[in-house]
N, C-alpha and C. Protein backbone atom coordinates (compact mmCIF):
# COMPACT_ATOMS: atom_id res chain seq x y z
N MET A 1 2.10 -43.97 -67.45
CA MET A 1 3.53 -44.02 -67.63
C MET A 1 3.97 -42.75 -68.38
N ILE A 2 5.05 -42.14 -67.92
CA ILE A 2 5.55 -40.90 -68.51
C ILE A 2 6.67 -41.24 -69.48
N ASN A 3 6.57 -40.71 -70.71
CA ASN A 3 7.64 -40.95 -71.69
C ASN A 3 8.69 -39.85 -71.57
N LYS A 4 9.76 -39.97 -72.39
CA LYS A 4 10.88 -39.02 -72.31
C LYS A 4 10.45 -37.60 -72.67
N ARG A 5 9.57 -37.47 -73.62
CA ARG A 5 9.12 -36.14 -74.04
C ARG A 5 8.35 -35.44 -72.93
N GLN A 6 7.48 -36.18 -72.26
CA GLN A 6 6.71 -35.61 -71.16
C GLN A 6 7.63 -35.26 -69.99
N MET A 7 8.65 -36.09 -69.73
CA MET A 7 9.59 -35.83 -68.64
C MET A 7 10.37 -34.53 -68.91
N LEU A 8 10.77 -34.32 -70.14
CA LEU A 8 11.47 -33.10 -70.49
C LEU A 8 10.59 -31.88 -70.25
N THR A 9 9.32 -31.98 -70.61
CA THR A 9 8.39 -30.88 -70.40
C THR A 9 8.19 -30.61 -68.91
N ILE A 10 8.09 -31.64 -68.11
CA ILE A 10 7.91 -31.48 -66.66
C ILE A 10 9.13 -30.79 -66.06
N ARG A 11 10.34 -31.19 -66.51
CA ARG A 11 11.56 -30.57 -65.99
C ARG A 11 11.63 -29.10 -66.37
N GLN A 12 11.27 -28.79 -67.60
CA GLN A 12 11.30 -27.39 -68.04
C GLN A 12 10.31 -26.56 -67.25
N LEU A 13 9.12 -27.09 -67.03
CA LEU A 13 8.13 -26.34 -66.24
C LEU A 13 8.60 -26.15 -64.82
N GLY A 14 9.19 -27.18 -64.25
CA GLY A 14 9.68 -27.08 -62.87
C GLY A 14 10.76 -26.05 -62.73
N ARG A 15 11.62 -25.94 -63.74
CA ARG A 15 12.71 -24.99 -63.67
C ARG A 15 12.20 -23.55 -63.74
N PHE A 16 11.21 -23.29 -64.57
CA PHE A 16 10.75 -21.93 -64.76
C PHE A 16 9.63 -21.52 -63.83
N SER A 17 8.85 -22.48 -63.34
CA SER A 17 7.72 -22.11 -62.49
C SER A 17 8.08 -22.09 -61.01
N MET A 18 9.29 -22.48 -60.66
CA MET A 18 9.68 -22.49 -59.26
C MET A 18 9.84 -21.06 -58.76
N ARG A 19 9.12 -20.74 -57.72
CA ARG A 19 9.20 -19.40 -57.15
C ARG A 19 10.30 -19.33 -56.13
N LYS A 20 11.05 -18.29 -56.18
CA LYS A 20 12.06 -18.08 -55.15
C LYS A 20 11.45 -17.21 -54.07
N SER A 21 11.70 -17.61 -52.83
CA SER A 21 11.14 -16.84 -51.72
C SER A 21 11.97 -15.58 -51.50
N ASN A 22 11.33 -14.57 -50.96
CA ASN A 22 12.01 -13.33 -50.64
C ASN A 22 12.57 -13.46 -49.23
N PRO A 23 13.89 -13.54 -49.06
CA PRO A 23 14.43 -13.73 -47.73
C PRO A 23 14.23 -12.51 -46.83
N MET A 24 13.99 -11.34 -47.39
CA MET A 24 13.84 -10.14 -46.59
C MET A 24 12.56 -10.20 -45.74
N ALA A 25 11.50 -10.77 -46.28
CA ALA A 25 10.23 -10.77 -45.55
C ALA A 25 10.31 -11.62 -44.30
N SER A 26 10.92 -12.78 -44.39
CA SER A 26 10.97 -13.66 -43.23
C SER A 26 12.18 -13.40 -42.34
N ALA A 27 13.15 -12.67 -42.85
CA ALA A 27 14.36 -12.43 -42.09
C ALA A 27 14.23 -11.30 -41.09
N ARG A 28 13.22 -10.49 -41.20
CA ARG A 28 13.02 -9.38 -40.27
C ARG A 28 12.24 -9.86 -39.05
N LYS A 29 12.79 -9.60 -37.88
CA LYS A 29 12.17 -10.01 -36.62
C LYS A 29 11.81 -8.79 -35.79
N PRO A 30 10.68 -8.82 -35.07
CA PRO A 30 10.32 -7.67 -34.23
C PRO A 30 11.26 -7.55 -33.03
N VAL A 31 11.79 -6.34 -32.84
CA VAL A 31 12.74 -6.10 -31.76
C VAL A 31 12.43 -4.78 -31.06
N ILE A 32 12.90 -4.69 -29.83
CA ILE A 32 12.92 -3.44 -29.08
C ILE A 32 14.37 -3.21 -28.68
N VAL A 33 14.90 -2.08 -29.08
CA VAL A 33 16.30 -1.73 -28.80
C VAL A 33 16.33 -0.76 -27.64
N ARG A 34 16.97 -1.15 -26.56
CA ARG A 34 17.13 -0.29 -25.38
C ARG A 34 18.50 0.36 -25.47
N LYS A 35 18.52 1.67 -25.33
CA LYS A 35 19.78 2.41 -25.36
C LYS A 35 20.23 2.69 -23.94
N PHE A 36 21.50 3.08 -23.79
CA PHE A 36 22.01 3.46 -22.48
C PHE A 36 21.40 4.77 -22.00
N SER A 37 20.88 5.56 -22.90
CA SER A 37 20.23 6.81 -22.52
C SER A 37 18.81 6.59 -22.01
N ARG A 38 18.41 5.33 -21.82
CA ARG A 38 17.11 4.89 -21.29
C ARG A 38 15.96 5.02 -22.29
N ASP A 39 16.18 5.63 -23.47
CA ASP A 39 15.11 5.63 -24.46
C ASP A 39 15.22 4.35 -25.30
N TRP A 40 14.20 4.07 -26.08
CA TRP A 40 14.15 2.81 -26.80
C TRP A 40 13.55 3.02 -28.19
N LEU A 41 13.82 2.06 -29.05
CA LEU A 41 13.28 2.05 -30.40
C LEU A 41 12.59 0.71 -30.62
N ALA A 42 11.51 0.72 -31.38
CA ALA A 42 10.81 -0.51 -31.75
C ALA A 42 10.80 -0.62 -33.26
N GLY A 43 10.95 -1.81 -33.74
CA GLY A 43 10.94 -2.02 -35.18
C GLY A 43 11.33 -3.44 -35.53
N TYR A 44 11.90 -3.58 -36.72
CA TYR A 44 12.27 -4.89 -37.23
C TYR A 44 13.74 -4.90 -37.57
N ALA A 45 14.45 -5.90 -37.05
CA ALA A 45 15.88 -6.04 -37.32
C ALA A 45 16.09 -7.18 -38.28
N GLY A 46 17.12 -7.07 -39.09
CA GLY A 46 17.44 -8.12 -40.05
C GLY A 46 18.15 -9.28 -39.39
N SER A 47 18.34 -10.33 -40.15
CA SER A 47 19.00 -11.52 -39.62
C SER A 47 20.50 -11.31 -39.45
N GLU A 48 21.05 -10.25 -40.00
CA GLU A 48 22.49 -9.97 -39.89
C GLU A 48 22.82 -9.20 -38.62
N LEU A 49 22.00 -9.31 -37.60
CA LEU A 49 22.20 -8.60 -36.35
C LEU A 49 23.54 -8.97 -35.73
N GLY A 50 24.36 -7.98 -35.49
CA GLY A 50 25.64 -8.18 -34.85
C GLY A 50 26.79 -8.42 -35.81
N ARG A 51 26.50 -8.56 -37.10
CA ARG A 51 27.58 -8.80 -38.06
C ARG A 51 28.24 -7.52 -38.51
N ASP A 52 27.52 -6.41 -38.51
CA ASP A 52 28.10 -5.13 -38.90
C ASP A 52 28.69 -4.50 -37.64
N PRO A 53 30.00 -4.35 -37.56
CA PRO A 53 30.60 -3.86 -36.33
C PRO A 53 30.32 -2.39 -36.03
N ALA A 54 29.89 -1.62 -37.03
CA ALA A 54 29.74 -0.19 -36.83
C ALA A 54 28.37 0.20 -36.27
N GLU A 55 27.30 -0.36 -36.81
CA GLU A 55 25.97 0.11 -36.42
C GLU A 55 24.91 -0.95 -36.60
N LEU A 56 23.80 -0.73 -35.93
CA LEU A 56 22.62 -1.58 -36.00
C LEU A 56 21.60 -0.90 -36.91
N GLU A 57 21.03 -1.67 -37.83
CA GLU A 57 20.04 -1.13 -38.75
C GLU A 57 18.67 -1.69 -38.41
N ILE A 58 17.70 -0.79 -38.22
CA ILE A 58 16.34 -1.18 -37.85
C ILE A 58 15.35 -0.52 -38.79
N LEU A 59 14.34 -1.27 -39.17
CA LEU A 59 13.22 -0.73 -39.92
C LEU A 59 12.15 -0.40 -38.88
N ASP A 60 11.88 0.89 -38.64
CA ASP A 60 10.94 1.25 -37.58
C ASP A 60 9.50 1.05 -38.04
N LEU A 61 8.56 1.33 -37.15
CA LEU A 61 7.15 1.05 -37.42
C LEU A 61 6.55 1.96 -38.48
N THR A 62 7.20 3.08 -38.78
CA THR A 62 6.70 3.97 -39.82
C THR A 62 7.30 3.67 -41.19
N GLY A 63 8.27 2.72 -41.23
CA GLY A 63 8.88 2.34 -42.49
C GLY A 63 10.21 3.00 -42.77
N LYS A 64 10.73 3.77 -41.81
CA LYS A 64 12.03 4.41 -42.00
C LYS A 64 13.13 3.48 -41.50
N VAL A 65 14.27 3.55 -42.16
CA VAL A 65 15.44 2.78 -41.74
C VAL A 65 16.25 3.64 -40.79
N LEU A 66 16.45 3.14 -39.58
CA LEU A 66 17.23 3.84 -38.57
C LEU A 66 18.54 3.12 -38.35
N ARG A 67 19.59 3.88 -38.15
CA ARG A 67 20.89 3.31 -37.84
C ARG A 67 21.35 3.83 -36.49
N VAL A 68 21.73 2.89 -35.63
CA VAL A 68 22.17 3.21 -34.28
C VAL A 68 23.55 2.59 -34.08
N THR A 69 24.48 3.37 -33.55
CA THR A 69 25.81 2.81 -33.30
C THR A 69 25.74 1.84 -32.12
N TRP A 70 26.59 0.83 -32.16
CA TRP A 70 26.56 -0.20 -31.12
C TRP A 70 26.97 0.35 -29.76
N GLN A 71 27.71 1.45 -29.71
CA GLN A 71 28.11 2.03 -28.42
C GLN A 71 26.90 2.58 -27.67
N GLN A 72 25.82 2.91 -28.37
CA GLN A 72 24.61 3.43 -27.73
C GLN A 72 23.68 2.32 -27.25
N VAL A 73 23.83 1.11 -27.79
CA VAL A 73 22.87 0.02 -27.55
C VAL A 73 23.21 -0.71 -26.26
N LYS A 74 22.21 -0.83 -25.39
CA LYS A 74 22.35 -1.61 -24.17
C LYS A 74 22.02 -3.07 -24.46
N TRP A 75 20.88 -3.32 -25.07
CA TRP A 75 20.50 -4.66 -25.51
C TRP A 75 19.42 -4.56 -26.57
N VAL A 76 19.23 -5.66 -27.28
CA VAL A 76 18.19 -5.78 -28.30
C VAL A 76 17.33 -6.96 -27.88
N CYS A 77 16.04 -6.70 -27.65
CA CYS A 77 15.11 -7.76 -27.23
C CYS A 77 14.27 -8.21 -28.42
N TYR A 78 14.33 -9.50 -28.71
CA TYR A 78 13.41 -10.09 -29.68
C TYR A 78 12.10 -10.32 -28.94
N VAL A 79 11.02 -9.74 -29.45
CA VAL A 79 9.75 -9.75 -28.73
C VAL A 79 8.65 -10.44 -29.53
N ARG A 80 7.60 -10.85 -28.81
CA ARG A 80 6.42 -11.42 -29.47
C ARG A 80 5.60 -10.32 -30.12
N ASP A 81 5.32 -9.27 -29.36
CA ASP A 81 4.48 -8.17 -29.83
C ASP A 81 5.23 -6.86 -29.70
N LEU A 82 5.12 -6.04 -30.71
CA LEU A 82 5.70 -4.70 -30.64
C LEU A 82 4.78 -3.81 -29.81
N PRO A 83 5.33 -2.81 -29.13
CA PRO A 83 4.52 -1.98 -28.24
C PRO A 83 3.52 -1.13 -29.01
N SER A 84 2.38 -0.92 -28.37
CA SER A 84 1.36 -0.02 -28.92
C SER A 84 1.29 1.22 -28.05
N ALA A 85 0.34 2.08 -28.33
CA ALA A 85 0.21 3.33 -27.56
C ALA A 85 -0.18 3.05 -26.12
N SER A 86 -0.89 1.94 -25.88
CA SER A 86 -1.32 1.62 -24.52
C SER A 86 -0.27 0.86 -23.72
N THR A 87 0.85 0.53 -24.34
CA THR A 87 1.91 -0.21 -23.66
C THR A 87 2.65 0.68 -22.68
N ASP A 88 3.15 0.06 -21.63
CA ASP A 88 3.96 0.77 -20.64
C ASP A 88 5.20 1.34 -21.34
N GLN A 89 5.34 2.63 -21.38
CA GLN A 89 6.44 3.28 -22.08
C GLN A 89 7.77 3.14 -21.34
N ALA A 90 7.73 2.89 -20.04
CA ALA A 90 8.96 2.73 -19.27
C ALA A 90 9.57 1.35 -19.46
N ASN A 91 8.74 0.32 -19.71
CA ASN A 91 9.22 -1.06 -19.86
C ASN A 91 8.50 -1.72 -21.03
N PRO A 92 8.76 -1.31 -22.28
CA PRO A 92 8.03 -1.86 -23.41
C PRO A 92 8.37 -3.32 -23.70
N GLU A 93 9.59 -3.76 -23.31
CA GLU A 93 9.93 -5.14 -23.57
C GLU A 93 9.32 -6.09 -22.55
N ARG A 94 8.70 -5.52 -21.51
CA ARG A 94 8.04 -6.27 -20.44
C ARG A 94 8.97 -7.32 -19.84
N LEU A 95 10.17 -6.89 -19.60
CA LEU A 95 11.19 -7.74 -18.99
C LEU A 95 11.12 -7.51 -17.48
N LEU A 96 10.26 -8.27 -16.82
CA LEU A 96 10.01 -8.05 -15.40
C LEU A 96 11.08 -8.68 -14.51
N ARG A 97 11.52 -9.88 -14.89
CA ARG A 97 12.56 -10.55 -14.10
C ARG A 97 13.86 -10.56 -14.88
N LYS A 98 14.93 -10.15 -14.24
CA LYS A 98 16.24 -10.15 -14.87
C LYS A 98 17.16 -11.21 -14.27
N ARG A 99 16.64 -11.97 -13.30
CA ARG A 99 17.39 -13.04 -12.66
C ARG A 99 16.51 -14.28 -12.57
N PHE A 100 17.14 -15.43 -12.58
CA PHE A 100 16.41 -16.68 -12.39
C PHE A 100 16.10 -16.86 -10.91
N SER A 101 14.89 -17.26 -10.60
CA SER A 101 14.55 -17.51 -9.20
C SER A 101 14.98 -18.93 -8.79
N LEU A 102 15.01 -19.85 -9.74
CA LEU A 102 15.47 -21.21 -9.52
C LEU A 102 16.50 -21.55 -10.58
N ARG A 103 17.15 -22.67 -10.40
CA ARG A 103 18.10 -23.14 -11.41
C ARG A 103 17.34 -23.42 -12.71
N PRO A 104 17.83 -22.90 -13.84
CA PRO A 104 17.13 -23.15 -15.11
C PRO A 104 17.15 -24.63 -15.49
N ARG A 105 16.16 -25.03 -16.25
CA ARG A 105 16.08 -26.43 -16.67
C ARG A 105 16.60 -26.65 -18.08
N THR A 106 16.69 -25.60 -18.85
CA THR A 106 17.15 -25.71 -20.23
C THR A 106 18.66 -25.83 -20.28
N ALA A 107 19.16 -26.62 -21.22
CA ALA A 107 20.61 -26.81 -21.35
C ALA A 107 21.27 -25.54 -21.86
N GLY A 108 22.46 -25.25 -21.36
CA GLY A 108 23.22 -24.08 -21.78
C GLY A 108 24.10 -23.57 -20.65
N LEU A 109 24.70 -22.42 -20.88
CA LEU A 109 25.50 -21.76 -19.86
C LEU A 109 24.67 -20.70 -19.16
N TRP A 110 24.60 -20.80 -17.86
CA TRP A 110 23.87 -19.82 -17.05
C TRP A 110 24.84 -18.69 -16.78
N LEU A 111 24.56 -17.51 -17.34
CA LEU A 111 25.46 -16.37 -17.24
C LEU A 111 24.84 -15.23 -16.45
N ARG A 112 25.70 -14.48 -15.79
CA ARG A 112 25.30 -13.22 -15.17
C ARG A 112 26.16 -12.12 -15.77
N LEU A 113 25.50 -11.13 -16.35
CA LEU A 113 26.20 -10.03 -16.99
C LEU A 113 26.03 -8.77 -16.17
N LYS A 114 27.10 -8.02 -16.01
CA LYS A 114 27.01 -6.67 -15.47
C LYS A 114 27.29 -5.74 -16.63
N LEU A 115 26.32 -4.88 -16.93
CA LEU A 115 26.42 -4.02 -18.08
C LEU A 115 27.16 -2.73 -17.74
N ALA A 116 27.48 -1.97 -18.75
CA ALA A 116 28.28 -0.75 -18.58
C ALA A 116 27.58 0.28 -17.70
N ASP A 117 26.25 0.28 -17.63
CA ASP A 117 25.54 1.23 -16.79
C ASP A 117 25.27 0.70 -15.39
N GLY A 118 25.82 -0.49 -15.04
CA GLY A 118 25.66 -1.05 -13.71
C GLY A 118 24.49 -2.00 -13.58
N ASP A 119 23.66 -2.11 -14.59
CA ASP A 119 22.51 -3.02 -14.56
C ASP A 119 22.99 -4.46 -14.69
N GLU A 120 22.32 -5.39 -13.97
CA GLU A 120 22.68 -6.80 -14.04
C GLU A 120 21.58 -7.57 -14.75
N LEU A 121 21.99 -8.61 -15.48
CA LEU A 121 21.07 -9.42 -16.26
C LEU A 121 21.58 -10.84 -16.27
N GLU A 122 20.67 -11.80 -16.08
CA GLU A 122 21.02 -13.21 -16.19
C GLU A 122 20.34 -13.80 -17.40
N GLY A 123 20.94 -14.83 -17.94
CA GLY A 123 20.34 -15.52 -19.08
C GLY A 123 21.09 -16.78 -19.40
N LEU A 124 20.50 -17.57 -20.28
CA LEU A 124 21.13 -18.80 -20.75
C LEU A 124 21.69 -18.57 -22.13
N ALA A 125 22.93 -18.95 -22.32
CA ALA A 125 23.58 -18.84 -23.63
C ALA A 125 23.93 -20.23 -24.12
N ALA A 126 24.02 -20.36 -25.41
CA ALA A 126 24.41 -21.64 -25.99
C ALA A 126 25.87 -21.91 -25.68
N ASN A 127 26.18 -23.15 -25.42
CA ASN A 127 27.56 -23.54 -25.10
C ASN A 127 28.26 -23.88 -26.41
N ASP A 128 28.63 -22.84 -27.16
CA ASP A 128 29.29 -23.03 -28.45
C ASP A 128 30.28 -21.90 -28.70
N ARG A 129 30.74 -21.77 -29.92
CA ARG A 129 31.78 -20.79 -30.25
C ARG A 129 31.27 -19.35 -30.22
N SER A 130 29.96 -19.15 -30.19
CA SER A 130 29.43 -17.78 -30.16
C SER A 130 29.80 -17.05 -28.88
N LEU A 131 30.19 -17.77 -27.84
CA LEU A 131 30.64 -17.12 -26.60
C LEU A 131 31.96 -16.39 -26.80
N VAL A 132 32.80 -16.93 -27.67
CA VAL A 132 34.12 -16.36 -27.88
C VAL A 132 34.14 -15.46 -29.11
N GLU A 133 33.47 -15.90 -30.15
CA GLU A 133 33.46 -15.16 -31.40
C GLU A 133 32.18 -14.34 -31.51
N GLY A 134 32.16 -13.42 -32.42
CA GLY A 134 30.95 -12.65 -32.67
C GLY A 134 30.96 -11.32 -31.96
N ALA A 135 29.96 -10.52 -32.29
CA ALA A 135 29.89 -9.16 -31.77
C ALA A 135 29.05 -9.06 -30.50
N GLY A 136 28.44 -10.16 -30.05
CA GLY A 136 27.63 -10.11 -28.85
C GLY A 136 27.16 -11.48 -28.43
N LEU A 137 26.31 -11.51 -27.39
CA LEU A 137 25.77 -12.76 -26.87
C LEU A 137 24.26 -12.79 -27.05
N LEU A 138 23.74 -13.94 -27.43
CA LEU A 138 22.31 -14.14 -27.53
C LEU A 138 21.88 -14.97 -26.34
N LEU A 139 20.98 -14.41 -25.51
CA LEU A 139 20.58 -15.04 -24.26
C LEU A 139 19.09 -15.38 -24.26
N ILE A 140 18.76 -16.44 -23.54
CA ILE A 140 17.37 -16.75 -23.23
C ILE A 140 17.09 -16.09 -21.88
N PRO A 141 16.07 -15.23 -21.79
CA PRO A 141 15.83 -14.51 -20.54
C PRO A 141 15.25 -15.42 -19.46
N PRO A 142 15.26 -14.97 -18.19
CA PRO A 142 14.72 -15.78 -17.10
C PRO A 142 13.23 -16.09 -17.24
N ASP A 143 12.45 -15.18 -17.78
CA ASP A 143 11.01 -15.41 -17.92
C ASP A 143 10.66 -15.48 -19.40
N THR A 144 10.58 -16.69 -19.93
CA THR A 144 10.30 -16.86 -21.36
C THR A 144 8.83 -16.68 -21.68
N ARG A 145 7.98 -16.58 -20.67
CA ARG A 145 6.55 -16.36 -20.92
C ARG A 145 6.23 -14.88 -21.08
N SER A 146 7.21 -14.03 -20.85
CA SER A 146 6.98 -12.59 -21.02
C SER A 146 7.03 -12.24 -22.50
N ASN A 147 7.00 -10.99 -22.81
CA ASN A 147 7.03 -10.53 -24.20
C ASN A 147 8.40 -10.78 -24.83
N THR A 148 9.46 -10.74 -24.05
CA THR A 148 10.81 -10.92 -24.56
C THR A 148 11.15 -12.40 -24.68
N GLN A 149 11.52 -12.82 -25.89
CA GLN A 149 11.88 -14.22 -26.13
C GLN A 149 13.38 -14.44 -26.09
N ARG A 150 14.15 -13.52 -26.64
CA ARG A 150 15.60 -13.59 -26.64
C ARG A 150 16.17 -12.20 -26.44
N ILE A 151 17.38 -12.13 -25.89
CA ILE A 151 18.05 -10.84 -25.68
C ILE A 151 19.43 -10.93 -26.31
N TYR A 152 19.72 -9.97 -27.17
CA TYR A 152 21.05 -9.87 -27.77
C TYR A 152 21.78 -8.74 -27.07
N VAL A 153 22.92 -9.06 -26.45
CA VAL A 153 23.71 -8.06 -25.73
C VAL A 153 25.02 -7.87 -26.48
N PRO A 154 25.27 -6.67 -27.02
CA PRO A 154 26.54 -6.44 -27.72
C PRO A 154 27.71 -6.45 -26.74
N ARG A 155 28.85 -6.86 -27.23
CA ARG A 155 30.04 -6.98 -26.38
C ARG A 155 30.47 -5.64 -25.79
N GLN A 156 30.20 -4.53 -26.49
CA GLN A 156 30.59 -3.22 -25.98
C GLN A 156 29.84 -2.87 -24.70
N SER A 157 28.65 -3.42 -24.50
CA SER A 157 27.87 -3.05 -23.32
C SER A 157 28.13 -3.96 -22.13
N ILE A 158 28.92 -5.02 -22.30
CA ILE A 158 29.21 -5.95 -21.20
C ILE A 158 30.45 -5.47 -20.45
N GLN A 159 30.26 -5.21 -19.16
CA GLN A 159 31.39 -4.80 -18.32
C GLN A 159 32.00 -6.02 -17.63
N ASP A 160 31.14 -6.94 -17.15
CA ASP A 160 31.61 -8.10 -16.42
C ASP A 160 30.73 -9.28 -16.79
N LEU A 161 31.33 -10.45 -16.96
CA LEU A 161 30.61 -11.67 -17.31
C LEU A 161 30.99 -12.77 -16.35
N GLU A 162 30.00 -13.40 -15.75
CA GLU A 162 30.25 -14.47 -14.79
C GLU A 162 29.46 -15.70 -15.21
N VAL A 163 30.14 -16.85 -15.29
CA VAL A 163 29.47 -18.12 -15.59
C VAL A 163 29.03 -18.71 -14.27
N LEU A 164 27.71 -18.84 -14.09
CA LEU A 164 27.19 -19.37 -12.84
C LEU A 164 27.14 -20.89 -12.84
N SER A 165 26.79 -21.47 -13.99
CA SER A 165 26.69 -22.93 -14.05
C SER A 165 26.63 -23.39 -15.49
N LEU A 166 27.08 -24.61 -15.71
CA LEU A 166 26.90 -25.28 -16.99
C LEU A 166 25.77 -26.27 -16.79
N ILE A 167 24.71 -26.06 -17.52
CA ILE A 167 23.55 -26.93 -17.39
C ILE A 167 23.50 -27.80 -18.63
N GLY A 168 23.70 -29.09 -18.42
CA GLY A 168 23.75 -30.01 -19.55
C GLY A 168 22.45 -30.76 -19.69
N ALA A 169 22.31 -31.38 -20.84
CA ALA A 169 21.16 -32.24 -21.06
C ALA A 169 21.32 -33.45 -20.16
N SER A 170 20.26 -33.86 -19.52
CA SER A 170 20.36 -34.99 -18.60
C SER A 170 20.55 -36.26 -19.41
N ARG A 171 21.63 -36.93 -19.15
CA ARG A 171 21.94 -38.19 -19.82
C ARG A 171 22.08 -39.27 -18.77
N ARG A 172 21.55 -40.40 -19.09
CA ARG A 172 21.74 -41.53 -18.19
C ARG A 172 23.04 -42.23 -18.55
N ARG A 173 23.77 -42.55 -17.57
CA ARG A 173 25.01 -43.28 -17.81
C ARG A 173 24.66 -44.74 -18.08
N PRO A 174 25.37 -45.34 -19.02
CA PRO A 174 25.09 -46.76 -19.27
C PRO A 174 25.54 -47.59 -18.07
N PRO A 175 24.84 -48.68 -17.81
CA PRO A 175 25.24 -49.50 -16.66
C PRO A 175 26.63 -50.10 -16.89
N ALA A 176 27.34 -50.26 -15.80
CA ALA A 176 28.68 -50.82 -15.88
C ALA A 176 28.59 -52.26 -16.36
N PRO A 177 29.48 -52.67 -17.25
CA PRO A 177 29.41 -54.04 -17.75
C PRO A 177 29.72 -55.03 -16.62
N ALA A 178 28.96 -56.12 -16.60
CA ALA A 178 29.16 -57.15 -15.58
C ALA A 178 30.43 -57.92 -15.90
N LEU A 179 31.17 -58.23 -14.87
CA LEU A 179 32.40 -59.00 -15.07
C LEU A 179 32.04 -60.45 -15.32
N ASP A 180 32.58 -61.02 -16.35
CA ASP A 180 32.30 -62.41 -16.68
C ASP A 180 33.32 -63.29 -15.96
N GLU A 181 32.91 -63.89 -14.89
CA GLU A 181 33.80 -64.73 -14.10
C GLU A 181 33.59 -66.20 -14.39
N GLY A 182 32.81 -66.51 -15.36
CA GLY A 182 32.51 -67.91 -15.63
C GLY A 182 31.43 -68.39 -14.69
N GLN A 183 31.15 -69.67 -14.76
CA GLN A 183 30.11 -70.24 -13.91
C GLN A 183 30.67 -70.50 -12.53
N PRO A 184 29.98 -70.02 -11.49
CA PRO A 184 30.51 -70.27 -10.14
C PRO A 184 30.37 -71.75 -9.77
N GLU A 185 31.30 -72.19 -8.91
CA GLU A 185 31.24 -73.59 -8.46
C GLU A 185 30.15 -73.73 -7.44
N LEU A 186 29.49 -74.90 -7.49
CA LEU A 186 28.39 -75.15 -6.57
C LEU A 186 28.90 -75.44 -5.16
N PHE A 187 29.91 -76.28 -5.08
CA PHE A 187 30.51 -76.58 -3.79
C PHE A 187 32.02 -76.31 -3.90
N PRO A 188 32.44 -75.06 -3.55
CA PRO A 188 33.82 -74.66 -3.82
C PRO A 188 34.90 -75.45 -3.06
N GLY A 189 34.64 -76.07 -1.96
CA GLY A 189 35.69 -76.73 -1.18
C GLY A 189 35.92 -78.15 -1.58
N GLU A 190 35.11 -78.80 -2.38
CA GLU A 190 35.26 -80.21 -2.71
C GLU A 190 36.06 -80.39 -3.97
N SER A 191 36.73 -81.47 -3.98
CA SER A 191 37.46 -81.81 -5.20
C SER A 191 36.53 -82.62 -6.09
N GLY A 192 36.89 -82.85 -7.28
CA GLY A 192 36.02 -83.52 -8.24
C GLY A 192 36.09 -85.03 -8.17
N THR A 193 36.66 -85.66 -7.09
CA THR A 193 36.76 -87.13 -7.02
C THR A 193 35.61 -87.72 -6.26
N SER A 194 35.20 -88.96 -6.62
CA SER A 194 34.13 -89.61 -5.89
C SER A 194 34.59 -90.88 -5.24
């Protein structure tokens, strides 16, 4: 049994020994930034991606902070692995398919984007306020098994946006309630006299 004095000591220890996590370490995600000039950058982007309207800030692989204006950015790919020297330099994000071959199964809005350079891209976006608000769209690419897990497309690079379909979560409709007509008569034509 813990007395009041021991409880006070436990509270004091808990207050001072609690470690605060560093949000910077977990907030940086590996990304590949594709520019309209066809060159690309690899590094780590912060969680504030798209909140600064002027520029994108990336921590590159050598530890330097790079700033790129959003007008230069075609898209930002969140990737599993950052490219190495042996990686294909023409397609480091390994985005092989840019269109769905079949109707997607995941819930969301199926979008087709035409970018400012004429390139087309399809993806699934969340059906929420981020479609209207914000500095860009976050899409699930057609091939989620590739290196690219998510694609962030800034609004400046979107020339045309087409909603192909709304894919909802499959819900079963509840059965229609049965009409309560009372107990049916056994012999409807007879009267109740004997």
